[in-house]
Amino acid sequence: MIVQSTATDADFALLTSLAGSQIGQSVNYSSTSDASSWAGSLSGTYLGTGLNLACTGNLSDYPSTGAVTWSDTGSYGMETWAGTGSATIANTSATGFQLTFSDSIALGGSSTASISSVIDGLVTPNGTILFGDSTHPEAGPGTATVNGTQKDIYFSCREESGALIFSDVVLVPKGEPLPPRPPTEINNYVRGPLSSSGPSGLNGTIAVVPEPSLYWPGLVLFLGTLCMSARRRKAGSGRSF
């Protein structure tokens, strides 16, 4: 669930980096999945332009090799969209893990953006899965390259009791510390996904909002909890990445 949500959030982050960011803009994501794959759609209107993507993910090599791959095809307005990504999950300790993550998109053959990052994560004693750690739940920086210009990228994600509470991506100019974050930078925050559909499907809205986790971490969790319809992990299923 965390990989699928982060991949979708990353795609939207790359779109905003190419097309521009505006607070209040949002698109919808919906998917179904099973033990070996997921299939979803990312659609809506962003900055007055229609977005229609078909997203597929391959989980067949996880957990044997820890590898997950995905691709998305479709259009943003008149431009074709082609995207691919991969993630490899490795346990670093009894409670820690590392996610080696990459994602890229091409719009119309002339605009490209990509992400490359190693994301450290933690499984807490109560089973909560999160990026970063309990005191600083934000992992990074990784590198985002937008039409040849590099930026730093940070990730947050939290799953409790099999329910995705929040997932977000923050892009900042290369070398800028986090925090503080320049006020012109906009965060992409997955509000939810709001409910489950199928064994591990996701439904929700991805919105452009000011980065909340630096200033109101309690509020982020509170909003996410209110919006989330919890999906209980099946007994013995382990970590639901």
C-alpha atoms as a PDB file:
ATOM      1  CA  MET A   1       0.000   0.000   0.000  1.00  0.00           C
ATOM      2  CA  ILE A   2       2.799   2.443   0.894  1.00  0.00           C
ATOM      3  CA  VAL A   3       4.651   1.793  -2.376  1.00  0.00           C
ATOM      4  CA  GLN A   4       1.503   2.186  -4.485  1.00  0.00           C
ATOM      5  CA  SER A   5       0.543   5.427  -2.772  1.00  0.00           C
ATOM      6  CA  THR A   6       4.074   6.862  -2.933  1.00  0.00           C
ATOM      7  CA  ALA A   7       4.317   6.004  -6.643  1.00  0.00           C
ATOM      8  CA  THR A   8       1.027   7.768  -7.370  1.00  0.00           C
ATOM      9  CA  ASP A   9       1.946  10.767  -5.224  1.00  0.00           C
ATOM     10  CA  ALA A  10       5.329  10.966  -6.985  1.00  0.00           C
ATOM     11  CA  ASP A  11       3.641  10.979 -10.414  1.00  0.00           C
ATOM     12  CA  PHE A  12       1.475  13.899  -9.351  1.00  0.00           C
ATOM     13  CA  ALA A  13       4.485  15.694  -7.856  1.00  0.00           C
ATOM     14  CA  LEU A  14       6.306  15.361 -11.171  1.00  0.00           C
ATOM     15  CA  LEU A  15       3.258  16.677 -13.037  1.00  0.00           C
ATOM     16  CA  THR A  16       3.110  19.773 -10.810  1.00  0.00           C
ATOM     17  CA  SER A  17       6.831  20.323 -11.313  1.00  0.00           C
ATOM     18  CA  LEU A  18       6.321  20.383 -15.086  1.00  0.00           C
ATOM     19  CA  ALA A  19       2.925  22.104 -15.363  1.00  0.00           C
ATOM     20  CA  GLY A  20       3.140  24.363 -12.290  1.00  0.00           C
ATOM     21  CA  SER A  21       1.570  24.239  -8.833  1.00  0.00           C
ATOM     22  CA  GLN A  22      -1.584  25.864  -7.566  1.00  0.00           C
ATOM     23  CA  ILE A  23      -3.055  25.365  -4.102  1.00  0.00           C
ATOM     24  CA  GLY A  24      -6.457  23.708  -4.147  1.00  0.00           C
ATOM     25  CA  GLN A  25      -5.966  21.751  -7.353  1.00  0.00           C
ATOM     26  CA  SER A  26      -6.667  18.030  -7.034  1.00  0.00           C
ATOM     27  CA  VAL A  27      -7.130  14.826  -9.017  1.00  0.00           C
ATOM     28  CA  ASN A  28      -8.633  11.455  -8.131  1.00  0.00           C
ATOM     29  CA  TYR A  29      -7.006   8.060  -7.772  1.00  0.00           C
ATOM     30  CA  SER A  30      -8.762   4.701  -7.620  1.00  0.00           C
ATOM     31  CA  SER A  31      -7.333   1.186  -7.762  1.00  0.00           C
ATOM     32  CA  THR A  32      -7.866  -2.465  -7.022  1.00  0.00           C
ATOM     33  CA  SER A  33      -5.094  -4.922  -6.258  1.00  0.00           C
ATOM     34  CA  ASP A  34      -4.270  -8.448  -5.233  1.00  0.00           C
ATOM     35  CA  ALA A  35      -1.132 -10.233  -4.080  1.00  0.00           C
ATOM     36  CA  SER A  36       0.616  -9.914  -7.471  1.00  0.00           C
ATOM     37  CA  SER A  37      -0.522  -6.641  -9.051  1.00  0.00           C
ATOM     38  CA  TRP A  38      -2.574  -3.478  -8.922  1.00  0.00           C
ATOM     39  CA  ALA A  39      -4.556  -1.598 -11.552  1.00  0.00           C
ATOM     40  CA  GLY A  40      -5.713   1.969 -11.087  1.00  0.00           C
ATOM     41  CA  SER A  41      -6.591   5.266 -12.683  1.00  0.00           C
ATOM     42  CA  LEU A  42      -5.444   8.816 -11.993  1.00  0.00           C
ATOM     43  CA  SER A  43      -7.895  11.287 -13.484  1.00  0.00           C
ATOM     44  CA  GLY A  44      -9.432  14.720 -13.206  1.00  0.00           C
ATOM     45  CA  THR A  45      -8.739  18.268 -14.297  1.00  0.00           C
ATOM     46  CA  TYR A  46      -5.500  19.956 -13.284  1.00  0.00           C
ATOM     47  CA  LEU A  47      -4.927  23.644 -14.089  1.00  0.00           C
ATOM     48  CA  GLY A  48      -7.857  23.473 -16.500  1.00  0.00           C
ATOM     49  CA  THR A  49      -6.405  20.520 -18.411  1.00  0.00           C
ATOM     50  CA  GLY A  50      -7.736  16.983 -18.377  1.00  0.00           C
ATOM     51  CA  LEU A  51      -5.613  14.198 -16.896  1.00  0.00           C
ATOM     52  CA  ASN A  52      -6.391  10.569 -17.720  1.00  0.00           C
ATOM     53  CA  LEU A  53      -3.927   7.844 -16.739  1.00  0.00           C
ATOM     54  CA  ALA A  54      -4.105   4.072 -16.510  1.00  0.00           C
ATOM     55  CA  CYS A  55      -1.713   2.803 -13.815  1.00  0.00           C
ATOM     56  CA  THR A  56      -0.499  -0.766 -13.356  1.00  0.00           C
ATOM     57  CA  GLY A  57       1.820  -2.266 -10.774  1.00  0.00           C
ATOM     58  CA  ASN A  58       3.656  -5.583 -10.581  1.00  0.00           C
ATOM     59  CA  LEU A  59       4.072  -7.159  -7.130  1.00  0.00           C
ATOM     60  CA  SER A  60       4.942 -10.662  -8.316  1.00  0.00           C
ATOM     61  CA  ASP A  61       8.605 -10.353  -7.254  1.00  0.00           C
ATOM     62  CA  TYR A  62       7.729  -9.096  -3.778  1.00  0.00           C
ATOM     63  CA  PRO A  63       8.662 -10.233  -1.185  1.00  0.00           C
ATOM     64  CA  SER A  64      11.028 -12.794  -2.769  1.00  0.00           C
ATOM     65  CA  THR A  65      13.371 -10.127  -4.196  1.00  0.00           C
ATOM     66  CA  GLY A  66      11.772  -7.070  -2.627  1.00  0.00           C
ATOM     67  CA  ALA A  67      11.166  -5.519  -6.067  1.00  0.00           C
ATOM     68  CA  VAL A  68       8.001  -3.687  -7.151  1.00  0.00           C
ATOM     69  CA  THR A  69       7.548  -2.077 -10.589  1.00  0.00           C
ATOM     70  CA  TRP A  70       4.834   0.080 -12.153  1.00  0.00           C
ATOM     71  CA  SER A  71       3.941   1.995 -15.287  1.00  0.00           C
ATOM     72  CA  ASP A  72       1.311   4.514 -16.340  1.00  0.00           C
ATOM     73  CA  THR A  73       0.089   5.595 -19.745  1.00  0.00           C
ATOM     74  CA  GLY A  74      -2.459   8.129 -20.931  1.00  0.00           C
ATOM     75  CA  SER A  75      -2.662  11.845 -21.560  1.00  0.00           C
ATOM     76  CA  TYR A  76      -2.497  15.276 -20.006  1.00  0.00           C
ATOM     77  CA  GLY A  77      -4.495  17.468 -22.344  1.00  0.00           C
ATOM     78  CA  MET A  78      -3.153  16.956 -25.853  1.00  0.00           C
ATOM     79  CA  GLU A  79       0.151  15.557 -24.614  1.00  0.00           C
ATOM     80  CA  THR A  80       0.802  11.852 -24.278  1.00  0.00           C
ATOM     81  CA  TRP A  81       1.999  10.592 -20.902  1.00  0.00           C
ATOM     82  CA  ALA A  82       4.390   7.673 -20.390  1.00  0.00           C
ATOM     83  CA  GLY A  83       5.729   6.806 -16.963  1.00  0.00           C
ATOM     84  CA  THR A  84       7.645   4.009 -15.270  1.00  0.00           C
ATOM     85  CA  GLY A  85       8.983   3.337 -11.805  1.00  0.00           C
ATOM     86  CA  SER A  86      10.462   0.782  -9.480  1.00  0.00           C
ATOM     87  CA  ALA A  87      11.074   0.229  -5.799  1.00  0.00           C
ATOM     88  CA  THR A  88      13.140  -2.310  -3.909  1.00  0.00           C
ATOM     89  CA  ILE A  89      12.415  -2.957  -0.248  1.00  0.00           C
ATOM     90  CA  ALA A  90      15.127  -4.320   2.037  1.00  0.00           C
ATOM     91  CA  ASN A  91      14.998  -4.913   5.778  1.00  0.00           C
ATOM     92  CA  THR A  92      17.835  -3.111   7.572  1.00  0.00           C
ATOM     93  CA  SER A  93      17.029  -4.327  11.090  1.00  0.00           C
ATOM     94  CA  ALA A  94      14.268  -6.066  13.028  1.00  0.00           C
ATOM     95  CA  THR A  95      12.188  -2.864  12.813  1.00  0.00           C
ATOM     96  CA  GLY A  96      13.814  -0.858  10.019  1.00  0.00           C
ATOM     97  CA  PHE A  97      13.594  -0.996   6.237  1.00  0.00           C
ATOM     98  CA  GLN A  98      14.980   0.875   3.240  1.00  0.00           C
ATOM     99  CA  LEU A  99      13.038   1.681   0.087  1.00  0.00           C
ATOM    100  CA  THR A 100      15.136   2.347  -3.021  1.00  0.00           C
ATOM    101  CA  PHE A 101      12.700   4.332  -5.155  1.00  0.00           C
ATOM    102  CA  SER A 102      12.722   5.699  -8.713  1.00  0.00           C
ATOM    103  CA  ASP A 103       9.965   7.196 -10.852  1.00  0.00           C
ATOM    104  CA  SER A 104       9.938   9.038 -14.179  1.00  0.00           C
ATOM    105  CA  ILE A 105       7.443  10.564 -16.600  1.00  0.00           C
ATOM    106  CA  ALA A 106       7.607  11.968 -20.127  1.00  0.00           C
ATOM    107  CA  LEU A 107       5.002  14.402 -21.438  1.00  0.00           C
ATOM    108  CA  GLY A 108       4.615  14.795 -25.180  1.00  0.00           C
ATOM    109  CA  GLY A 109       8.152  13.619 -25.813  1.00  0.00           C
ATOM    110  CA  SER A 110       9.695  16.977 -24.844  1.00  0.00           C
ATOM    111  CA  SER A 111       9.123  17.392 -21.096  1.00  0.00           C
ATOM    112  CA  THR A 112      10.659  14.913 -18.670  1.00  0.00           C
ATOM    113  CA  ALA A 113      10.899  14.599 -14.907  1.00  0.00           C
ATOM    114  CA  SER A 114      12.261  11.891 -12.649  1.00  0.00           C
ATOM    115  CA  ILE A 115      12.836  10.981  -9.008  1.00  0.00           C
ATOM    116  CA  SER A 116      15.573   8.906  -7.416  1.00  0.00           C
ATOM    117  CA  SER A 117      15.717   8.385  -3.659  1.00  0.00           C
ATOM    118  CA  VAL A 118      16.647   5.987  -0.891  1.00  0.00           C
ATOM    119  CA  ILE A 119      13.926   6.202   1.756  1.00  0.00           C
ATOM    120  CA  ASP A 120      14.509   4.929   5.275  1.00  0.00           C
ATOM    121  CA  GLY A 121      11.505   3.633   7.187  1.00  0.00           C
ATOM    122  CA  LEU A 122      10.440   2.104  10.460  1.00  0.00           C
ATOM    123  CA  VAL A 123       7.873  -0.354  11.776  1.00  0.00           C
ATOM    124  CA  THR A 124       6.894   0.668  15.315  1.00  0.00           C
ATOM    125  CA  PRO A 125       6.045  -1.811  18.099  1.00  0.00           C
ATOM    126  CA  ASN A 126       2.304  -1.286  17.485  1.00  0.00           C
ATOM    127  CA  GLY A 127       2.699  -2.136  13.767  1.00  0.00           C
ATOM    128  CA  THR A 128       2.611   1.398  12.356  1.00  0.00           C
ATOM    129  CA  ILE A 129       4.724   1.702   9.182  1.00  0.00           C
ATOM    130  CA  LEU A 130       6.266   5.096   8.462  1.00  0.00           C
ATOM    131  CA  PHE A 131       9.004   6.850   6.537  1.00  0.00           C
ATOM    132  CA  GLY A 132      11.728   8.505   8.569  1.00  0.00           C
ATOM    133  CA  ASP A 133      11.355   7.787  12.279  1.00  0.00           C
ATOM    134  CA  SER A 134       8.950   8.511  15.129  1.00  0.00           C
ATOM    135  CA  THR A 135      10.555  11.874  15.958  1.00  0.00           C
ATOM    136  CA  HIS A 136      11.084  13.075  12.379  1.00  0.00           C
ATOM    137  CA  PRO A 137       8.677  11.299   9.995  1.00  0.00           C
ATOM    138  CA  GLU A 138      10.118  12.730   6.810  1.00  0.00           C
ATOM    139  CA  ALA A 139      12.737  10.907   4.700  1.00  0.00           C
ATOM    140  CA  GLY A 140      15.197  12.443   2.287  1.00  0.00           C
ATOM    141  CA  PRO A 141      16.567  14.208   0.516  1.00  0.00           C
ATOM    142  CA  GLY A 142      16.395  12.357  -2.745  1.00  0.00           C
ATOM    143  CA  THR A 143      16.879  13.912  -6.161  1.00  0.00           C
ATOM    144  CA  ALA A 144      14.219  15.094  -8.582  1.00  0.00           C
ATOM    145  CA  THR A 145      15.267  16.170 -12.080  1.00  0.00           C
ATOM    146  CA  VAL A 146      12.801  18.379 -13.952  1.00  0.00           C
ATOM    147  CA  ASN A 147      13.737  19.129 -17.572  1.00  0.00           C
ATOM    148  CA  GLY A 148      17.396  18.945 -16.584  1.00  0.00           C
ATOM    149  CA  THR A 149      17.108  21.002 -13.361  1.00  0.00           C
ATOM    150  CA  GLN A 150      17.699  19.183 -10.089  1.00  0.00           C
ATOM    151  CA  LYS A 151      15.663  19.619  -6.910  1.00  0.00           C
ATOM    152  CA  ASP A 152      15.682  17.916  -3.535  1.00  0.00           C
ATOM    153  CA  ILE A 153      12.706  15.758  -2.651  1.00  0.00           C
ATOM    154  CA  TYR A 154      11.375  14.551   0.693  1.00  0.00           C
ATOM    155  CA  PHE A 155       8.817  11.844   1.455  1.00  0.00           C
ATOM    156  CA  SER A 156       6.378  11.242   4.297  1.00  0.00           C
ATOM    157  CA  CYS A 157       4.079   8.246   4.645  1.00  0.00           C
ATOM    158  CA  ARG A 158       2.268   6.588   7.523  1.00  0.00           C
ATOM    159  CA  GLU A 159       0.150   3.445   7.657  1.00  0.00           C
ATOM    160  CA  GLU A 160      -1.693   2.356  10.817  1.00  0.00           C
ATOM    161  CA  SER A 161      -3.635  -0.887  11.248  1.00  0.00           C
ATOM    162  CA  GLY A 162      -3.584  -1.480   7.505  1.00  0.00           C
ATOM    163  CA  ALA A 163      -5.026   1.972   6.763  1.00  0.00           C
ATOM    164  CA  LEU A 164      -3.001   4.591   4.879  1.00  0.00           C
ATOM    165  CA  ILE A 165      -3.193   7.715   7.039  1.00  0.00           C
ATOM    166  CA  PHE A 166      -1.211  10.067   4.826  1.00  0.00           C
ATOM    167  CA  SER A 167       1.426  10.231   2.115  1.00  0.00           C
ATOM    168  CA  ASP A 168       3.150  13.334   0.836  1.00  0.00           C
ATOM    169  CA  VAL A 169       6.008  14.615  -1.288  1.00  0.00           C
ATOM    170  CA  VAL A 170       7.869  17.920  -0.869  1.00  0.00           C
ATOM    171  CA  LEU A 171      10.045  19.403  -3.625  1.00  0.00           C
ATOM    172  CA  VAL A 172      12.550  22.138  -2.700  1.00  0.00           C
ATOM    173  CA  PRO A 173      15.371  23.867  -4.587  1.00  0.00           C
ATOM    174  CA  LYS A 174      18.601  21.873  -4.584  1.00  0.00           C
ATOM    175  CA  GLY A 175      20.478  22.290  -1.318  1.00  0.00           C
ATOM    176  CA  GLU A 176      17.669  24.046   0.575  1.00  0.00           C
ATOM    177  CA  PRO A 177      17.206  22.725   4.119  1.00  0.00           C
ATOM    178  CA  LEU A 178      13.934  21.252   5.285  1.00  0.00           C
ATOM    179  CA  PRO A 179      12.662  22.929   7.389  1.00  0.00           C
ATOM    180  CA  PRO A 180      12.343  25.801   6.731  1.00  0.00           C
ATOM    181  CA  ARG A 181      10.777  25.381   3.324  1.00  0.00           C
ATOM    182  CA  PRO A 182      10.603  28.295   0.865  1.00  0.00           C
ATOM    183  CA  PRO A 183       7.006  29.593   0.844  1.00  0.00           C
ATOM    184  CA  THR A 184       6.797  29.294  -2.951  1.00  0.00           C
ATOM    185  CA  GLU A 185       7.187  25.521  -2.825  1.00  0.00           C
ATOM    186  CA  ILE A 186       3.978  23.495  -2.868  1.00  0.00           C
ATOM    187  CA  ASN A 187       3.460  20.054  -1.391  1.00  0.00           C
ATOM    188  CA  ASN A 188       1.515  17.198  -2.902  1.00  0.00           C
ATOM    189  CA  TYR A 189      -0.478  15.506  -0.208  1.00  0.00           C
ATOM    190  CA  VAL A 190      -2.538  12.355  -0.595  1.00  0.00           C
ATOM    191  CA  ARG A 191      -5.616  12.941   1.554  1.00  0.00           C
ATOM    192  CA  GLY A 192      -6.173   9.318   2.285  1.00  0.00           C
ATOM    193  CA  PRO A 193      -6.471   7.443   0.047  1.00  0.00           C
ATOM    194  CA  LEU A 194      -9.864   7.617   1.663  1.00  0.00           C
ATOM    195  CA  SER A 195     -11.047   4.034   1.585  1.00  0.00           C
ATOM    196  CA  SER A 196     -10.187   0.545   0.481  1.00  0.00           C
ATOM    197  CA  SER A 197     -11.480  -1.231  -2.608  1.00  0.00           C
ATOM    198  CA  GLY A 198     -10.623  -4.900  -2.861  1.00  0.00           C
ATOM    199  CA  PRO A 199      -7.881  -6.543  -0.814  1.00  0.00           C
ATOM    200  CA  SER A 200      -5.445  -3.614  -1.042  1.00  0.00           C
ATOM    201  CA  GLY A 201      -7.067  -1.142  -3.392  1.00  0.00           C
ATOM    202  CA  LEU A 202      -6.902   2.595  -2.818  1.00  0.00           C
ATOM    203  CA  ASN A 203      -9.377   5.389  -3.430  1.00  0.00           C
ATOM    204  CA  GLY A 204      -8.754   9.045  -2.744  1.00  0.00           C
ATOM    205  CA  THR A 205      -7.883  12.560  -3.799  1.00  0.00           C
ATOM    206  CA  ILE A 206      -4.380  13.877  -4.373  1.00  0.00           C
ATOM    207  CA  ALA A 207      -4.342  17.611  -3.687  1.00  0.00           C
ATOM    208  CA  VAL A 208      -1.841  20.459  -3.872  1.00  0.00           C
ATOM    209  CA  VAL A 209      -1.684  22.041  -0.407  1.00  0.00           C
ATOM    210  CA  PRO A 210       0.908  23.939   1.648  1.00  0.00           C
ATOM    211  CA  GLU A 211       3.248  21.436   3.320  1.00  0.00           C
ATOM    212  CA  PRO A 212       1.458  20.591   6.580  1.00  0.00           C
ATOM    213  CA  SER A 213       3.786  18.212   8.371  1.00  0.00           C
ATOM    214  CA  LEU A 214       6.388  20.834   9.239  1.00  0.00           C
ATOM    215  CA  TYR A 215       3.921  23.076  11.021  1.00  0.00           C
ATOM    216  CA  TRP A 216       0.892  21.041  12.092  1.00  0.00           C
ATOM    217  CA  PRO A 217       1.906  17.374  12.380  1.00  0.00           C
ATOM    218  CA  GLY A 218      -0.958  16.599  14.754  1.00  0.00           C
ATOM    219  CA  LEU A 219      -3.482  18.152  12.411  1.00  0.00           C
ATOM    220  CA  VAL A 220      -2.222  16.102   9.472  1.00  0.00           C
ATOM    221  CA  LEU A 221      -2.718  12.853  11.344  1.00  0.00           C
ATOM    222  CA  PHE A 222      -6.077  14.020  12.695  1.00  0.00           C
ATOM    223  CA  LEU A 223      -7.403  14.938   9.249  1.00  0.00           C
ATOM    224  CA  GLY A 224      -6.127  11.719   7.773  1.00  0.00           C
ATOM    225  CA  THR A 225      -7.719   9.657  10.523  1.00  0.00           C
ATOM    226  CA  LEU A 226     -11.070  11.375  10.066  1.00  0.00           C
ATOM    227  CA  CYS A 227     -11.011  10.781   6.329  1.00  0.00           C
ATOM    228  CA  MET A 228      -9.735   7.234   6.406  1.00  0.00           C
ATOM    229  CA  SER A 229     -11.957   4.200   6.387  1.00  0.00           C
ATOM    230  CA  ALA A 230      -9.596   1.729   8.006  1.00  0.00           C
ATOM    231  CA  ARG A 231      -8.787  -1.515   6.228  1.00  0.00           C
ATOM    232  CA  ARG A 232      -7.646  -4.115   8.738  1.00  0.00           C
ATOM    233  CA  ARG A 233      -4.628  -6.121   7.633  1.00  0.00           C
ATOM    234  CA  LYS A 234      -5.368  -9.817   7.415  1.00  0.00           C
ATOM    235  CA  ALA A 235      -3.837 -11.854  10.208  1.00  0.00           C
ATOM    236  CA  GLY A 236      -0.370 -13.079   9.308  1.00  0.00           C
ATOM    237  CA  SER A 237      -0.065 -10.924   6.201  1.00  0.00           C
ATOM    238  CA  GLY A 238       2.920  -9.012   7.563  1.00  0.00           C
ATOM    239  CA  ARG A 239       3.952  -5.610   6.277  1.00  0.00           C
ATOM    240  CA  SER A 240       1.614  -4.316   3.583  1.00  0.00           C
ATOM    241  CA  PHE A 241       4.021  -2.367   1.419  1.00  0.00           C
END
